[in-house]
Amino acid sequence: MRKLERDKVPAPTSLDAPSVAVSSEKAAAAVYYGARIPWQKTHVSYKFSQYKGNDVKGALRLLSGGNCAYCESKIFGNGSREVEHYRPKGGVDGALHPGYWWLAHDWNNLLPTCRDCNKSLKQHIVSPSMSLAEVESLMSTTPKHLYGKAMKFSIRGTRAVGHTCLLQLEDPLLINPCEQDPKGELRWNFSTDLPLIEPTVGPNGASIYGKYTIETCALNRAALVLDRVSTLKILKYRRDLIIDRMNKWNGSLEMLEVIVKDVESLTHHADLSQPFSAMAAAYIEEFENHLEQWRKAQGLPPF
């Protein structure tokens, strides 16, 4: 998960200057929920459909580079994309709550996600003690437990129950990559062949935001980890190639230019458009420390 810059993407017209369809649905939803106060367990959430027009999907693609906002897998080319409501519109697990229905058409509440992060599905979860072979073997078995966000949305503070409530009084445990830099709450473990994501650890222990986000979105599910392995192999190959050239460098300007180009090629994997760019950025950051030491030892200017 990486920081996303919503302010760099214009709000979709269908939501910002509401279309007739969006305006009608918002009005109908207000009437529907207004007639159901207080909310009861027997009540059924309103069925929204007008928040995911093509202009919304296009804007979400620009926002995330075509990747899932949570796990960063590529989603816009395989039909698995979901227009996700960060604050769930249809209810909240563990609470007698109608859901944040008044935010159903709010651009600031929408994120592009993959199906496996967004829905409650049976999935395998990888633990740090597993080997690559064990994970590959696990994939041939039937998962038994449900993982995925669905209507999970735990908070600290006072939960909003209507449009007059202040969202600022909520402290959501789920990281919103448009409002919070995930880098402060999540870290990568490259100590094994399996690139796993973990909560950062500070003076008060593991990040509650990182831990909740990893568990809620199943960010270490087996299929996802195996996809990350493929990207990590490419990163390791390119890193080893650069190190080999560094070790063989004889002072040649031409060879130095090749090294610099190789480094530029490696950093491309951390671009927004690339899947798992946050993982790539963390891996490259570790390598850049080695690269910087070599540069200084050779008396070279910054690349």
Protein backbone atom coordinates (compact mmCIF):
# COMPACT_ATOMS: atom_id res chain seq x y z
CA MET A 1 0.00 0.00 0.00
CA ARG A 2 1.30 3.45 -0.93
CA LYS A 3 0.24 7.06 -0.44
CA LEU A 4 -2.23 8.21 -3.10
CA GLU A 5 -2.72 11.86 -4.08
CA ARG A 6 -6.44 12.45 -4.52
CA ASP A 7 -6.01 16.21 -4.91
CA LYS A 8 -4.15 15.60 -8.18
CA VAL A 9 -7.16 13.87 -9.77
CA PRO A 10 -10.21 15.99 -10.70
CA ALA A 11 -13.41 14.79 -9.09
CA PRO A 12 -15.64 12.91 -11.55
CA THR A 13 -18.30 15.19 -13.06
CA SER A 14 -21.14 12.75 -12.36
CA LEU A 15 -20.41 13.14 -8.63
CA ASP A 16 -19.01 16.65 -8.39
CA ALA A 17 -21.82 18.29 -10.38
CA PRO A 18 -24.28 15.50 -9.74
CA SER A 19 -26.01 13.97 -12.73
CA VAL A 20 -29.77 13.60 -12.64
CA ALA A 21 -29.36 9.90 -11.84
CA VAL A 22 -26.99 10.58 -8.93
CA SER A 23 -29.13 13.41 -7.55
CA SER A 24 -32.26 11.28 -7.75
CA GLU A 25 -30.59 8.36 -5.99
CA LYS A 26 -29.21 10.59 -3.23
CA ALA A 27 -32.68 12.06 -2.63
CA ALA A 28 -34.31 8.64 -2.64
CA ALA A 29 -31.73 7.29 -0.17
CA ALA A 30 -32.30 10.26 2.18
CA VAL A 31 -36.02 9.54 2.22
CA TYR A 32 -35.43 5.81 2.68
CA TYR A 33 -33.12 6.20 5.68
CA GLY A 34 -35.13 9.09 7.10
CA ALA A 35 -38.08 6.73 7.43
CA ARG A 36 -35.93 4.20 9.31
CA ILE A 37 -34.81 6.11 12.39
CA PRO A 38 -33.75 4.55 14.66
CA TRP A 39 -32.04 1.88 12.59
CA GLN A 40 -33.12 -1.64 13.44
CA LYS A 41 -31.58 -5.06 12.80
CA THR A 42 -34.54 -5.91 10.59
CA HIS A 43 -33.91 -2.98 8.26
CA VAL A 44 -32.29 -3.58 4.89
CA SER A 45 -29.73 -1.22 3.38
CA TYR A 46 -30.62 0.82 0.30
CA LYS A 47 -29.35 -0.54 -3.01
CA PHE A 48 -27.09 2.11 -4.56
CA SER A 49 -25.98 1.90 -8.17
CA GLN A 50 -25.18 5.40 -9.45
CA TYR A 51 -21.79 5.98 -7.77
CA LYS A 52 -19.68 4.01 -10.23
CA GLY A 53 -20.06 5.63 -13.64
CA ASN A 54 -17.34 5.37 -16.26
CA ASP A 55 -15.97 8.78 -15.29
CA VAL A 56 -15.61 7.55 -11.70
CA LYS A 57 -13.78 4.41 -12.81
CA GLY A 58 -11.51 6.51 -15.03
CA ALA A 59 -10.67 8.87 -12.18
CA LEU A 60 -9.95 5.94 -9.85
CA ARG A 61 -7.58 4.48 -12.41
CA LEU A 62 -5.64 7.73 -12.46
CA LEU A 63 -5.66 7.87 -8.67
CA SER A 64 -4.02 4.48 -8.20
CA GLY A 65 -2.18 3.88 -11.46
CA GLY A 66 -4.60 1.06 -12.28
CA ASN A 67 -3.79 -0.84 -9.10
CA CYS A 68 -5.77 -1.85 -6.02
CA ALA A 69 -5.54 0.93 -3.43
CA TYR A 70 -4.97 -1.64 -0.68
CA CYS A 71 -2.79 -4.46 -2.05
CA GLU A 72 -1.46 -2.75 -5.23
CA SER A 73 -2.20 -5.68 -7.51
CA LYS A 74 -3.03 -4.68 -11.09
CA ILE A 75 -6.84 -4.58 -11.44
CA PHE A 76 -7.92 -2.46 -14.37
CA GLY A 77 -6.85 -4.90 -17.05
CA ASN A 78 -8.46 -8.08 -15.73
CA GLY A 79 -12.01 -7.01 -14.85
CA SER A 80 -11.58 -7.63 -11.12
CA ARG A 81 -11.82 -3.97 -10.10
CA GLU A 82 -14.30 -2.77 -7.49
CA VAL A 83 -15.44 0.76 -6.72
CA GLU A 84 -14.93 0.48 -2.98
CA HIS A 85 -16.46 2.64 -0.27
CA TYR A 86 -13.77 3.27 2.33
CA ARG A 87 -16.49 3.91 4.91
CA PRO A 88 -18.96 1.11 4.06
CA LYS A 89 -22.29 2.30 2.70
CA GLY A 90 -24.41 -0.73 3.62
CA GLY A 91 -23.66 -1.33 7.29
CA VAL A 92 -20.82 -1.86 9.76
CA ASP A 93 -19.79 -5.24 11.12
CA GLY A 94 -20.30 -5.52 14.86
CA ALA A 95 -22.44 -2.38 15.14
CA LEU A 96 -26.13 -1.56 14.79
CA HIS A 97 -25.42 1.02 12.11
CA PRO A 98 -27.06 1.75 8.74
CA GLY A 99 -23.70 2.27 7.08
CA TYR A 100 -22.30 5.56 5.84
CA TRP A 101 -25.05 5.84 3.24
CA TRP A 102 -24.75 9.64 2.93
CA LEU A 103 -21.19 9.11 1.63
CA ALA A 104 -22.25 6.63 -1.08
CA HIS A 105 -21.66 9.21 -3.84
CA ASP A 106 -18.82 11.10 -2.13
CA TRP A 107 -15.69 11.09 -4.28
CA ASN A 108 -13.50 11.29 -1.17
CA ASN A 109 -14.98 8.02 0.10
CA LEU A 110 -14.26 5.98 -3.04
CA LEU A 111 -11.22 3.83 -3.73
CA PRO A 112 -10.32 1.35 -6.49
CA THR A 113 -9.83 -2.12 -5.07
CA CYS A 114 -9.55 -5.72 -6.11
CA ARG A 115 -12.22 -8.27 -5.32
CA ASP A 116 -10.05 -10.19 -2.83
CA CYS A 117 -9.35 -7.12 -0.67
CA ASN A 118 -12.88 -5.76 -0.85
CA LYS A 119 -15.11 -8.80 -0.36
CA SER A 120 -15.35 -11.41 2.39
CA LEU A 121 -13.94 -14.51 0.70
CA LYS A 122 -12.38 -17.79 1.74
CA GLN A 123 -8.64 -17.27 1.38
CA HIS A 124 -5.36 -18.72 2.61
CA ILE A 125 -3.15 -16.49 4.78
CA VAL A 126 0.64 -16.81 4.79
CA SER A 127 2.53 -16.80 8.09
CA PRO A 128 6.19 -15.75 8.47
CA SER A 129 7.28 -19.30 9.28
CA MET A 130 6.10 -20.69 5.92
CA SER A 131 8.41 -21.53 3.05
CA LEU A 132 7.70 -20.81 -0.60
CA ALA A 133 7.10 -24.52 -1.21
CA GLU A 134 4.60 -24.65 1.66
CA VAL A 135 2.65 -21.69 0.28
CA GLU A 136 2.57 -23.21 -3.20
CA SER A 137 1.32 -26.46 -1.69
CA LEU A 138 -1.28 -24.57 0.35
CA MET A 139 -2.73 -23.14 -2.86
CA SER A 140 -3.80 -26.63 -3.93
CA THR A 141 -6.07 -26.96 -0.88
CA THR A 142 -9.49 -25.44 -0.22
CA PRO A 143 -9.43 -22.39 2.08
CA LYS A 144 -11.78 -22.56 5.07
CA HIS A 145 -11.75 -19.08 6.59
CA LEU A 146 -13.20 -15.79 5.37
CA TYR A 147 -10.96 -12.76 4.89
CA GLY A 148 -11.49 -9.39 3.20
CA LYS A 149 -12.88 -5.98 4.10
CA ALA A 150 -16.61 -6.23 3.23
CA MET A 151 -18.31 -4.13 5.96
CA LYS A 152 -15.45 -4.14 8.47
CA PHE A 153 -14.68 -0.64 9.72
CA SER A 154 -13.46 -0.44 13.30
CA ILE A 155 -12.72 2.96 14.79
CA ARG A 156 -11.59 4.67 17.94
CA GLY A 157 -13.54 7.75 18.97
CA THR A 158 -17.17 8.62 18.20
CA ARG A 159 -18.80 6.91 15.23
CA ALA A 160 -20.73 9.08 12.78
CA VAL A 161 -24.34 7.95 12.24
CA GLY A 162 -25.58 10.62 9.83
CA HIS A 163 -24.58 13.54 7.61
CA THR A 164 -24.69 16.02 10.51
CA CYS A 165 -22.01 14.10 12.44
CA LEU A 166 -18.34 15.04 12.26
CA LEU A 167 -16.16 12.42 10.61
CA GLN A 168 -13.18 14.07 12.31
CA LEU A 169 -14.35 12.55 15.60
CA GLU A 170 -13.64 9.10 14.19
CA ASP A 171 -10.20 7.52 14.26
CA PRO A 172 -10.49 4.66 11.73
CA LEU A 173 -8.12 1.73 12.17
CA LEU A 174 -8.21 0.98 8.44
CA ILE A 175 -5.56 2.99 6.64
CA ASN A 176 -6.95 5.35 4.00
CA PRO A 177 -4.03 5.76 1.56
CA CYS A 178 -5.41 9.11 0.41
CA GLU A 179 -5.31 10.57 3.91
CA GLN A 180 -2.58 8.66 5.71
CA ASP A 181 0.86 7.61 4.51
CA PRO A 182 0.91 3.82 4.86
CA LYS A 183 4.70 3.89 5.08
CA GLY A 184 4.40 5.05 8.69
CA GLU A 185 2.25 2.04 9.63
CA LEU A 186 3.44 -0.77 7.35
CA ARG A 187 6.85 -2.27 6.65
CA TRP A 188 8.19 -5.02 4.40
CA ASN A 189 9.98 -8.15 5.52
CA PHE A 190 12.52 -9.30 2.92
CA SER A 191 14.30 -11.77 5.20
CA THR A 192 12.87 -14.80 3.36
CA ASP A 193 11.79 -15.65 -0.19
CA LEU A 194 8.26 -14.54 0.76
CA PRO A 195 7.77 -10.75 0.78
CA LEU A 196 5.39 -10.23 3.69
CA ILE A 197 3.93 -6.97 4.92
CA GLU A 198 4.00 -6.24 8.65
CA PRO A 199 2.89 -3.45 10.97
CA THR A 200 5.65 -1.04 11.90
CA VAL A 201 6.85 -1.28 15.49
CA GLY A 202 7.34 1.78 17.67
CA PRO A 203 7.87 2.53 21.37
CA ASN A 204 4.26 1.49 22.07
CA GLY A 205 4.45 -1.74 20.08
CA ALA A 206 3.07 -2.71 16.68
CA SER A 207 1.00 -0.14 14.77
CA ILE A 208 -2.69 -0.78 15.41
CA TYR A 209 -3.47 0.77 12.02
CA GLY A 210 -0.99 -1.47 10.23
CA LYS A 211 -2.16 -4.60 12.03
CA TYR A 212 -5.86 -3.92 11.41
CA THR A 213 -5.32 -3.06 7.74
CA ILE A 214 -3.25 -6.18 7.07
CA GLU A 215 -5.84 -8.42 8.70
CA THR A 216 -8.91 -6.66 7.27
CA CYS A 217 -7.72 -6.61 3.66
CA ALA A 218 -5.89 -9.95 3.85
CA LEU A 219 -2.68 -8.33 2.64
CA ASN A 220 -0.69 -11.54 3.19
CA ARG A 221 -3.09 -13.89 1.43
CA ALA A 222 -1.33 -16.70 -0.40
CA ALA A 223 -2.19 -15.81 -4.00
CA LEU A 224 -1.13 -12.20 -3.44
CA VAL A 225 2.16 -13.16 -1.78
CA LEU A 226 3.02 -15.45 -4.70
CA ASP A 227 2.34 -12.61 -7.14
CA ARG A 228 4.67 -10.39 -5.12
CA VAL A 229 7.34 -13.11 -5.23
CA SER A 230 7.45 -12.77 -9.04
CA THR A 231 8.03 -9.02 -8.81
CA LEU A 232 10.64 -9.44 -6.08
CA LYS A 233 12.57 -11.93 -8.23
CA ILE A 234 12.86 -9.30 -10.96
CA LEU A 235 14.03 -6.70 -8.45
CA LYS A 236 16.64 -9.09 -7.03
CA TYR A 237 17.89 -10.00 -10.49
CA ARG A 238 18.33 -6.36 -11.48
CA ARG A 239 19.96 -5.52 -8.15
CA ASP A 240 22.44 -8.40 -8.51
CA LEU A 241 23.23 -7.29 -12.06
CA ILE A 242 24.00 -3.77 -10.84
CA ILE A 243 26.16 -5.06 -7.98
CA ASP A 244 28.09 -7.28 -10.40
CA ARG A 245 28.78 -4.30 -12.65
CA MET A 246 29.76 -2.17 -9.66
CA ASN A 247 32.27 -4.83 -8.57
CA LYS A 248 33.73 -4.99 -12.07
CA TRP A 249 33.83 -1.23 -12.65
CA ASN A 250 37.26 -0.15 -13.82
CA GLY A 251 36.73 3.59 -13.91
CA SER A 252 35.20 3.56 -17.38
CA LEU A 253 32.71 6.38 -17.96
CA GLU A 254 30.81 4.20 -20.42
CA MET A 255 30.42 1.43 -17.85
CA LEU A 256 29.33 3.97 -15.24
CA GLU A 257 26.60 5.22 -17.57
CA VAL A 258 25.34 1.63 -17.91
CA ILE A 259 25.22 1.31 -14.11
CA VAL A 260 23.28 4.57 -13.79
CA LYS A 261 20.78 3.42 -16.45
CA ASP A 262 20.38 0.10 -14.66
CA VAL A 263 19.60 1.96 -11.43
CA GLU A 264 17.03 4.10 -13.26
CA SER A 265 15.45 0.95 -14.68
CA LEU A 266 15.26 -0.55 -11.18
CA THR A 267 13.58 2.54 -9.71
CA HIS A 268 10.89 2.35 -12.42
CA HIS A 269 9.32 -0.48 -10.41
CA ALA A 270 8.46 2.05 -7.68
CA ASP A 271 6.37 4.14 -10.09
CA LEU A 272 2.65 4.52 -9.34
CA SER A 273 1.75 2.66 -12.53
CA GLN A 274 3.56 -0.50 -11.42
CA PRO A 275 2.00 -3.24 -9.27
CA PHE A 276 3.45 -3.57 -5.77
CA SER A 277 5.27 -0.25 -6.09
CA ALA A 278 5.44 0.27 -2.31
CA MET A 279 7.21 -3.07 -1.93
CA ALA A 280 9.57 -2.12 -4.74
CA ALA A 281 10.26 1.28 -3.17
CA ALA A 282 11.12 -0.33 0.17
CA TYR A 283 13.41 -2.88 -1.49
CA ILE A 284 15.12 -0.22 -3.59
CA GLU A 285 15.57 1.99 -0.52
CA GLU A 286 17.54 -0.78 1.16
CA PHE A 287 19.70 -1.22 -1.94
CA GLU A 288 20.26 2.53 -2.33
CA ASN A 289 22.13 2.56 0.97
CA HIS A 290 24.58 0.02 -0.49
CA LEU A 291 24.78 2.01 -3.72
CA GLU A 292 25.48 5.24 -1.87
CA GLN A 293 28.35 3.67 0.06
CA TRP A 294 29.88 2.43 -3.20
CA ARG A 295 29.50 5.85 -4.86
CA LYS A 296 31.26 7.61 -1.99
CA ALA A 297 34.04 5.01 -1.91
CA GLN A 298 34.67 5.68 -5.59
CA GLY A 299 34.63 9.45 -5.11
CA LEU A 300 31.73 9.87 -7.53
CA PRO A 301 29.11 12.67 -7.49
CA PRO A 302 25.47 11.77 -6.69
CA PHE A 303 23.70 9.85 -9.47
